[in-house]
Amino acid sequence: MAHDKLRDDTECQNCGHQVLEIYCPHCGQKNTETRQSFAHLVGHFAEDLTHYDGAFWKTIKYLIFRPGKLTVEYLEGKRQLYVPPVKLYIFVSFITFLLIGIMPEKEAENEGAKSNFIAVNKLGDIEINGEGLDEKKKNEYTLTSGEKVNSIKKLDSLHAIPGKVTDLEYTFTKKVIEIENGTISTEEIGEAFMHTLPKVLFIYMPIFAFWLWLFHSKKRWLFFDHSIFTLHYFALLLLLSCITTIINRLTSYLGQSINEITTLLAPIILFCYSFFYFFRAHIYMYGGRKFISRLKGLILFFINLVCIITVLLCAVYYVIFTLH
């Protein structure tokens, strides 16, 4: 910075080498006075903040509106103008899941009426049956042994008999009954899944990069190149999810009909744009003949779509099995 005052002493405070001009030729530290005024501290903070903001907003603009350009610029060595890919992904991931966790969503206005309606129905069942809800009305689940269960008590009794119910089947059936009975709510499952999702995405990124590596020239492209493309694409997906969440939470205050429309349309628009973005970024990054590039892009997109859905389903099962 131009307003930094240089030290009269030319010995580097960090490594002890002689500083001929501004920066130490050995360690690179700037030979400036370490004790500065408060006004200097404020100026330093303001300059760093505006510099970071400039790089950040330029990175976000290219990330959203210029598919593939950010990756190409980075691989060409133009790295000071943008936020590094790893930092960008971590920052966008943090902001996305933070907003999902803290942004309030307006509760349905008829929540109280809905609770009263349920209570009246239950009261009616008590009067009709004389003893509360009839267990026969609950869903029955057929086990591999042929036994049918509709309660945890009966499932426990069968599990106590050797060979009747495997541990895996017992755990899964118990979780399903708990969800049906309300012991485990869908809100709890959703919250636990959102906590697991960042780990799932992080684990899947190398798989995404692997498919790119498999479909492109090994001489021209390194796995590192595919990894940078993957980081930028996943950062874009998280950013779109963040924007969608903000829109859905805000429209929840504008009325039920508007909120239902945005809740329906937002995922569709998100999927369509991510589909379009991948093709544009793929062509911009890897080049080649348009037909071949589009064909590769189409195959890669649907391979990864199937893989990510499979991984997400596994994550849901994991969440259900580990939820207490």
Protein backbone atom coordinates (compact mmCIF):
# COMPACT_ATOMS: atom_id res chain seq x y z
CA MET A 1 0.00 0.00 0.00
CA ALA A 2 1.23 3.48 -0.81
CA HIS A 3 0.60 4.87 2.68
CA ASP A 4 2.73 2.22 4.45
CA LYS A 5 5.77 3.78 6.10
CA LEU A 6 9.02 1.93 5.37
CA ARG A 7 11.54 1.22 8.13
CA ASP A 8 14.89 3.02 8.13
CA ASP A 9 16.53 -0.21 9.26
CA THR A 10 17.16 -2.42 6.21
CA GLU A 11 17.40 -5.66 8.18
CA CYS A 12 14.31 -7.84 7.70
CA GLN A 13 12.46 -8.36 10.97
CA ASN A 14 11.25 -11.78 9.86
CA CYS A 15 14.42 -13.53 8.63
CA GLY A 16 17.31 -11.09 9.24
CA HIS A 17 18.34 -10.66 5.60
CA GLN A 18 19.12 -7.26 4.09
CA VAL A 19 16.19 -5.55 2.35
CA LEU A 20 17.44 -3.60 -0.66
CA GLU A 21 14.15 -1.94 -1.58
CA ILE A 22 10.63 -2.62 -0.21
CA TYR A 23 10.31 -6.39 0.04
CA CYS A 24 12.79 -8.87 1.52
CA PRO A 25 14.41 -10.88 -1.30
CA HIS A 26 14.59 -13.94 0.97
CA CYS A 27 11.14 -14.25 2.60
CA GLY A 28 9.08 -11.62 0.77
CA GLN A 29 7.98 -9.68 3.85
CA LYS A 30 7.42 -5.95 3.38
CA ASN A 31 9.87 -3.85 5.38
CA THR A 32 7.32 -1.47 6.95
CA GLU A 33 6.91 -0.06 10.44
CA THR A 34 5.08 -2.55 12.65
CA ARG A 35 3.64 0.06 15.01
CA GLN A 36 1.16 2.30 13.22
CA SER A 37 -1.57 4.75 14.20
CA PHE A 38 -5.24 3.78 14.55
CA ALA A 39 -6.05 5.85 11.45
CA HIS A 40 -3.56 3.71 9.50
CA LEU A 41 -5.27 0.55 10.78
CA VAL A 42 -8.68 1.83 9.63
CA GLY A 43 -7.27 2.76 6.21
CA HIS A 44 -5.58 -0.63 5.89
CA PHE A 45 -8.85 -2.42 6.73
CA ALA A 46 -10.85 -0.32 4.25
CA GLU A 47 -8.37 -0.94 1.43
CA ASP A 48 -8.21 -4.68 2.07
CA LEU A 49 -12.00 -4.89 2.27
CA THR A 50 -12.61 -3.03 -0.99
CA HIS A 51 -9.91 -5.06 -2.73
CA TYR A 52 -11.47 -8.31 -1.50
CA ASP A 53 -14.96 -7.14 -2.42
CA GLY A 54 -13.76 -6.28 -5.92
CA ALA A 55 -12.26 -9.74 -6.43
CA PHE A 56 -15.23 -11.45 -4.79
CA TRP A 57 -17.97 -9.76 -6.79
CA LYS A 58 -16.06 -10.20 -10.03
CA THR A 59 -15.68 -13.90 -9.19
CA ILE A 60 -19.39 -14.25 -8.41
CA LYS A 61 -20.37 -12.43 -11.62
CA TYR A 62 -18.20 -14.71 -13.76
CA LEU A 63 -19.31 -17.78 -11.82
CA ILE A 64 -23.02 -17.16 -12.45
CA PHE A 65 -23.13 -15.49 -15.87
CA ARG A 66 -19.99 -16.69 -17.69
CA PRO A 67 -20.02 -20.52 -17.65
CA GLY A 68 -16.50 -21.95 -17.76
CA LYS A 69 -14.69 -18.61 -18.06
CA LEU A 70 -13.63 -18.52 -14.41
CA THR A 71 -12.06 -21.98 -14.70
CA VAL A 72 -10.24 -21.15 -17.93
CA GLU A 73 -8.93 -17.86 -16.50
CA TYR A 74 -7.66 -19.65 -13.41
CA LEU A 75 -5.91 -22.39 -15.40
CA GLU A 76 -4.31 -19.76 -17.64
CA GLY A 77 -2.66 -18.28 -14.55
CA LYS A 78 -4.90 -15.23 -14.00
CA ARG A 79 -5.38 -15.90 -10.31
CA GLN A 80 -4.96 -12.58 -8.49
CA LEU A 81 -8.18 -11.14 -9.92
CA TYR A 82 -10.44 -13.86 -8.48
CA VAL A 83 -11.14 -15.74 -5.26
CA PRO A 84 -9.29 -19.11 -5.34
CA PRO A 85 -11.58 -22.08 -6.14
CA VAL A 86 -11.21 -23.87 -2.79
CA LYS A 87 -11.83 -20.67 -0.78
CA LEU A 88 -14.76 -19.82 -3.05
CA TYR A 89 -16.40 -23.23 -2.54
CA ILE A 90 -15.88 -23.16 1.24
CA PHE A 91 -17.24 -19.61 1.51
CA VAL A 92 -20.31 -20.25 -0.67
CA SER A 93 -20.97 -23.54 1.15
CA PHE A 94 -20.75 -21.82 4.53
CA ILE A 95 -23.08 -18.97 3.52
CA THR A 96 -25.60 -21.33 1.88
CA PHE A 97 -26.03 -23.67 4.84
CA LEU A 98 -25.86 -20.79 7.31
CA LEU A 99 -28.77 -19.03 5.57
CA ILE A 100 -30.76 -22.26 5.34
CA GLY A 101 -30.30 -22.69 9.09
CA ILE A 102 -31.01 -19.15 10.30
CA MET A 103 -33.48 -17.63 7.81
CA PRO A 104 -36.94 -17.70 9.36
CA GLU A 105 -39.80 -19.22 7.42
CA LYS A 106 -43.30 -18.01 8.12
CA GLU A 107 -45.46 -20.72 9.63
CA ALA A 108 -48.73 -21.54 7.99
CA GLU A 109 -51.54 -19.37 9.32
CA ASN A 110 -53.84 -22.33 9.65
CA GLU A 111 -51.43 -24.34 11.82
CA GLY A 112 -53.60 -23.87 14.89
CA ALA A 113 -56.75 -24.84 13.04
CA LYS A 114 -54.98 -27.89 11.64
CA SER A 115 -53.96 -29.00 15.16
CA ASN A 116 -57.53 -28.55 16.41
CA PHE A 117 -58.83 -30.56 13.46
CA ILE A 118 -56.45 -33.42 14.28
CA ALA A 119 -57.40 -33.27 17.94
CA VAL A 120 -61.13 -33.43 17.09
CA ASN A 121 -60.53 -36.41 14.81
CA LYS A 122 -58.60 -38.24 17.51
CA LEU A 123 -61.37 -37.47 20.01
CA GLY A 124 -63.87 -38.88 17.55
CA ASP A 125 -61.83 -42.07 17.25
CA ILE A 126 -61.78 -42.40 21.03
CA GLU A 127 -65.54 -42.09 21.17
CA ILE A 128 -66.09 -44.54 18.34
CA ASN A 129 -63.59 -47.20 19.42
CA GLY A 130 -63.92 -46.65 23.12
CA GLU A 131 -60.17 -46.96 23.58
CA GLY A 132 -58.35 -44.50 21.38
CA LEU A 133 -56.95 -45.19 17.92
CA ASP A 134 -57.36 -48.74 16.72
CA GLU A 135 -53.97 -50.30 16.00
CA LYS A 136 -55.44 -52.18 13.03
CA LYS A 137 -55.75 -48.84 11.24
CA LYS A 138 -51.99 -48.48 11.21
CA ASN A 139 -49.97 -49.65 8.21
CA GLU A 140 -48.75 -53.23 8.40
CA TYR A 141 -45.27 -54.15 7.22
CA THR A 142 -44.48 -57.61 5.93
CA LEU A 143 -41.07 -58.90 6.97
CA THR A 144 -38.94 -61.30 4.94
CA SER A 145 -40.05 -64.08 7.30
CA GLY A 146 -43.68 -63.45 6.29
CA GLU A 147 -44.64 -61.95 9.64
CA LYS A 148 -46.66 -58.73 9.64
CA VAL A 149 -46.03 -55.94 12.14
CA ASN A 150 -47.70 -52.60 12.83
CA SER A 151 -46.08 -51.63 16.12
CA ILE A 152 -42.62 -51.49 17.67
CA LYS A 153 -43.81 -53.73 20.52
CA LYS A 154 -44.66 -56.55 18.13
CA LEU A 155 -41.43 -55.95 16.17
CA ASP A 156 -39.42 -56.21 19.40
CA SER A 157 -41.11 -59.49 20.29
CA LEU A 158 -40.25 -60.95 16.87
CA HIS A 159 -36.68 -59.66 17.07
CA ALA A 160 -36.26 -61.55 20.35
CA ILE A 161 -36.92 -64.82 18.50
CA PRO A 162 -33.72 -66.05 16.79
CA GLY A 163 -33.92 -66.06 13.00
CA LYS A 164 -37.21 -64.15 12.72
CA VAL A 165 -35.85 -60.65 12.01
CA THR A 166 -32.34 -59.63 10.98
CA ASP A 167 -30.72 -56.67 12.74
CA LEU A 168 -30.74 -54.60 9.53
CA GLU A 169 -34.42 -55.31 8.82
CA TYR A 170 -35.30 -54.65 12.47
CA THR A 171 -33.56 -51.26 12.48
CA PHE A 172 -35.08 -50.15 9.18
CA THR A 173 -38.64 -51.28 10.03
CA LYS A 174 -38.41 -49.68 13.48
CA LYS A 175 -37.39 -46.33 11.94
CA VAL A 176 -40.29 -46.50 9.46
CA ILE A 177 -42.80 -47.17 12.25
CA GLU A 178 -41.30 -44.36 14.35
CA ILE A 179 -41.72 -41.94 11.45
CA GLU A 180 -45.32 -43.08 10.94
CA ASN A 181 -46.11 -42.72 14.66
CA GLY A 182 -44.51 -39.28 14.82
CA THR A 183 -41.71 -40.36 17.18
CA ILE A 184 -39.30 -39.15 14.49
CA SER A 185 -40.63 -36.22 12.47
CA THR A 186 -39.86 -35.45 8.85
CA GLU A 187 -38.55 -32.06 10.06
CA GLU A 188 -35.91 -33.85 12.16
CA ILE A 189 -34.92 -35.99 9.17
CA GLY A 190 -34.70 -32.90 6.95
CA GLU A 191 -32.58 -31.01 9.47
CA ALA A 192 -30.23 -33.96 9.96
CA PHE A 193 -29.96 -34.39 6.18
CA MET A 194 -29.05 -30.70 5.70
CA HIS A 195 -26.23 -31.14 8.23
CA THR A 196 -24.99 -34.18 6.28
CA LEU A 197 -25.35 -32.66 2.80
CA PRO A 198 -22.10 -30.60 2.81
CA LYS A 199 -20.12 -33.76 3.59
CA VAL A 200 -21.95 -35.68 0.85
CA LEU A 201 -21.20 -33.01 -1.76
CA PHE A 202 -17.57 -32.79 -0.68
CA ILE A 203 -17.19 -36.57 -0.94
CA TYR A 204 -18.88 -36.65 -4.37
CA MET A 205 -16.73 -33.94 -5.99
CA PRO A 206 -13.74 -36.26 -6.68
CA ILE A 207 -16.18 -38.70 -8.35
CA PHE A 208 -17.49 -35.87 -10.54
CA ALA A 209 -13.92 -34.92 -11.48
CA PHE A 210 -13.14 -38.59 -12.19
CA TRP A 211 -15.91 -38.81 -14.80
CA LEU A 212 -14.54 -35.67 -16.48
CA TRP A 213 -11.04 -37.17 -16.46
CA LEU A 214 -12.37 -40.40 -17.96
CA PHE A 215 -14.07 -38.67 -20.92
CA HIS A 216 -11.27 -36.29 -21.94
CA SER A 217 -7.71 -36.45 -23.24
CA LYS A 218 -5.24 -37.56 -20.54
CA LYS A 219 -2.39 -35.80 -22.36
CA ARG A 220 -4.10 -32.43 -22.61
CA TRP A 221 -5.94 -32.34 -19.30
CA LEU A 222 -4.72 -33.17 -15.81
CA PHE A 223 -6.96 -34.37 -13.00
CA PHE A 224 -6.18 -31.02 -11.35
CA ASP A 225 -7.87 -29.20 -14.26
CA HIS A 226 -11.02 -31.28 -13.87
CA SER A 227 -10.96 -30.64 -10.12
CA ILE A 228 -10.97 -26.84 -10.65
CA PHE A 229 -13.90 -27.19 -13.06
CA THR A 230 -15.70 -29.32 -10.45
CA LEU A 231 -15.09 -26.83 -7.63
CA HIS A 232 -16.48 -23.97 -9.70
CA TYR A 233 -19.51 -25.96 -10.88
CA PHE A 234 -20.40 -27.16 -7.37
CA ALA A 235 -19.92 -23.63 -6.01
CA LEU A 236 -22.41 -22.48 -8.67
CA LEU A 237 -24.91 -25.18 -7.62
CA LEU A 238 -24.61 -24.15 -3.98
CA LEU A 239 -24.99 -20.48 -4.90
CA LEU A 240 -28.15 -21.22 -6.90
CA SER A 241 -29.49 -23.23 -3.94
CA CYS A 242 -28.74 -20.27 -1.67
CA ILE A 243 -30.60 -17.86 -3.96
CA THR A 244 -33.54 -20.28 -4.21
CA THR A 245 -33.73 -20.62 -0.43
CA ILE A 246 -33.75 -16.86 0.04
CA ILE A 247 -36.54 -16.45 -2.54
CA ASN A 248 -38.65 -19.24 -1.00
CA ARG A 249 -38.24 -17.89 2.53
CA LEU A 250 -39.13 -14.35 1.46
CA THR A 251 -42.16 -15.41 -0.60
CA SER A 252 -43.51 -17.35 2.40
CA TYR A 253 -44.52 -13.91 3.74
CA LEU A 254 -46.35 -12.95 0.54
CA GLY A 255 -49.16 -15.45 0.78
CA GLN A 256 -49.63 -19.19 0.41
CA SER A 257 -50.45 -19.18 -3.31
CA ILE A 258 -47.31 -17.20 -4.24
CA ASN A 259 -45.17 -19.36 -1.99
CA GLU A 260 -46.54 -22.56 -3.54
CA ILE A 261 -45.76 -21.27 -7.04
CA THR A 262 -42.17 -20.31 -6.17
CA THR A 263 -41.64 -23.57 -4.25
CA LEU A 264 -42.71 -25.46 -7.38
CA LEU A 265 -40.92 -23.35 -9.97
CA ALA A 266 -37.63 -22.67 -8.16
CA PRO A 267 -36.30 -26.29 -8.26
CA ILE A 268 -37.33 -26.60 -11.92
CA ILE A 269 -35.54 -23.37 -12.85
CA LEU A 270 -32.52 -24.43 -10.76
CA PHE A 271 -32.30 -27.79 -12.56
CA CYS A 272 -32.75 -26.24 -16.03
CA TYR A 273 -30.10 -23.58 -15.45
CA SER A 274 -27.62 -26.06 -13.97
CA PHE A 275 -28.21 -28.27 -17.03
CA PHE A 276 -27.70 -25.35 -19.45
CA TYR A 277 -24.72 -24.04 -17.43
CA PHE A 278 -22.92 -27.39 -17.49
CA PHE A 279 -23.13 -27.59 -21.30
CA ARG A 280 -21.89 -24.03 -21.83
CA ALA A 281 -19.10 -24.42 -19.30
CA HIS A 282 -18.10 -27.81 -20.73
CA ILE A 283 -17.85 -26.44 -24.29
CA TYR A 284 -15.99 -23.30 -23.16
CA MET A 285 -13.55 -25.30 -21.06
CA TYR A 286 -12.81 -28.35 -23.20
CA GLY A 287 -13.53 -27.07 -26.71
CA GLY A 288 -13.59 -29.62 -29.55
CA ARG A 289 -16.27 -30.16 -32.17
CA LYS A 290 -19.68 -29.02 -30.98
CA PHE A 291 -21.47 -32.31 -31.66
CA ILE A 292 -18.85 -34.40 -29.84
CA SER A 293 -18.61 -31.91 -26.98
CA ARG A 294 -22.40 -31.80 -26.57
CA LEU A 295 -22.64 -35.59 -26.71
CA LYS A 296 -19.95 -35.95 -24.04
CA GLY A 297 -21.65 -33.27 -21.97
CA LEU A 298 -25.02 -35.01 -22.22
CA ILE A 299 -23.58 -38.38 -21.20
CA LEU A 300 -21.57 -36.84 -18.35
CA PHE A 301 -24.54 -34.87 -17.04
CA PHE A 302 -26.85 -37.87 -16.83
CA ILE A 303 -24.16 -40.19 -15.47
CA ASN A 304 -23.51 -37.70 -12.68
CA LEU A 305 -27.24 -37.13 -12.18
CA VAL A 306 -27.79 -40.86 -11.57
CA CYS A 307 -24.71 -41.06 -9.34
CA ILE A 308 -25.59 -38.03 -7.22
CA ILE A 309 -29.20 -39.21 -6.77
CA THR A 310 -27.85 -42.59 -5.64
CA VAL A 311 -25.43 -40.94 -3.21
CA LEU A 312 -28.17 -38.66 -1.85
CA LEU A 313 -30.52 -41.62 -1.33
CA CYS A 314 -27.74 -43.41 0.54
CA ALA A 315 -27.30 -40.26 2.63
CA VAL A 316 -31.04 -40.22 3.44
CA TYR A 317 -30.91 -43.87 4.53
CA TYR A 318 -27.83 -43.13 6.61
CA VAL A 319 -29.58 -40.20 8.30
CA ILE A 320 -32.68 -42.28 9.06
CA PHE A 321 -30.62 -45.16 10.46
CA THR A 322 -28.46 -42.94 12.68
CA LEU A 323 -31.23 -40.60 13.86
CA HIS A 324 -32.25 -41.10 17.49
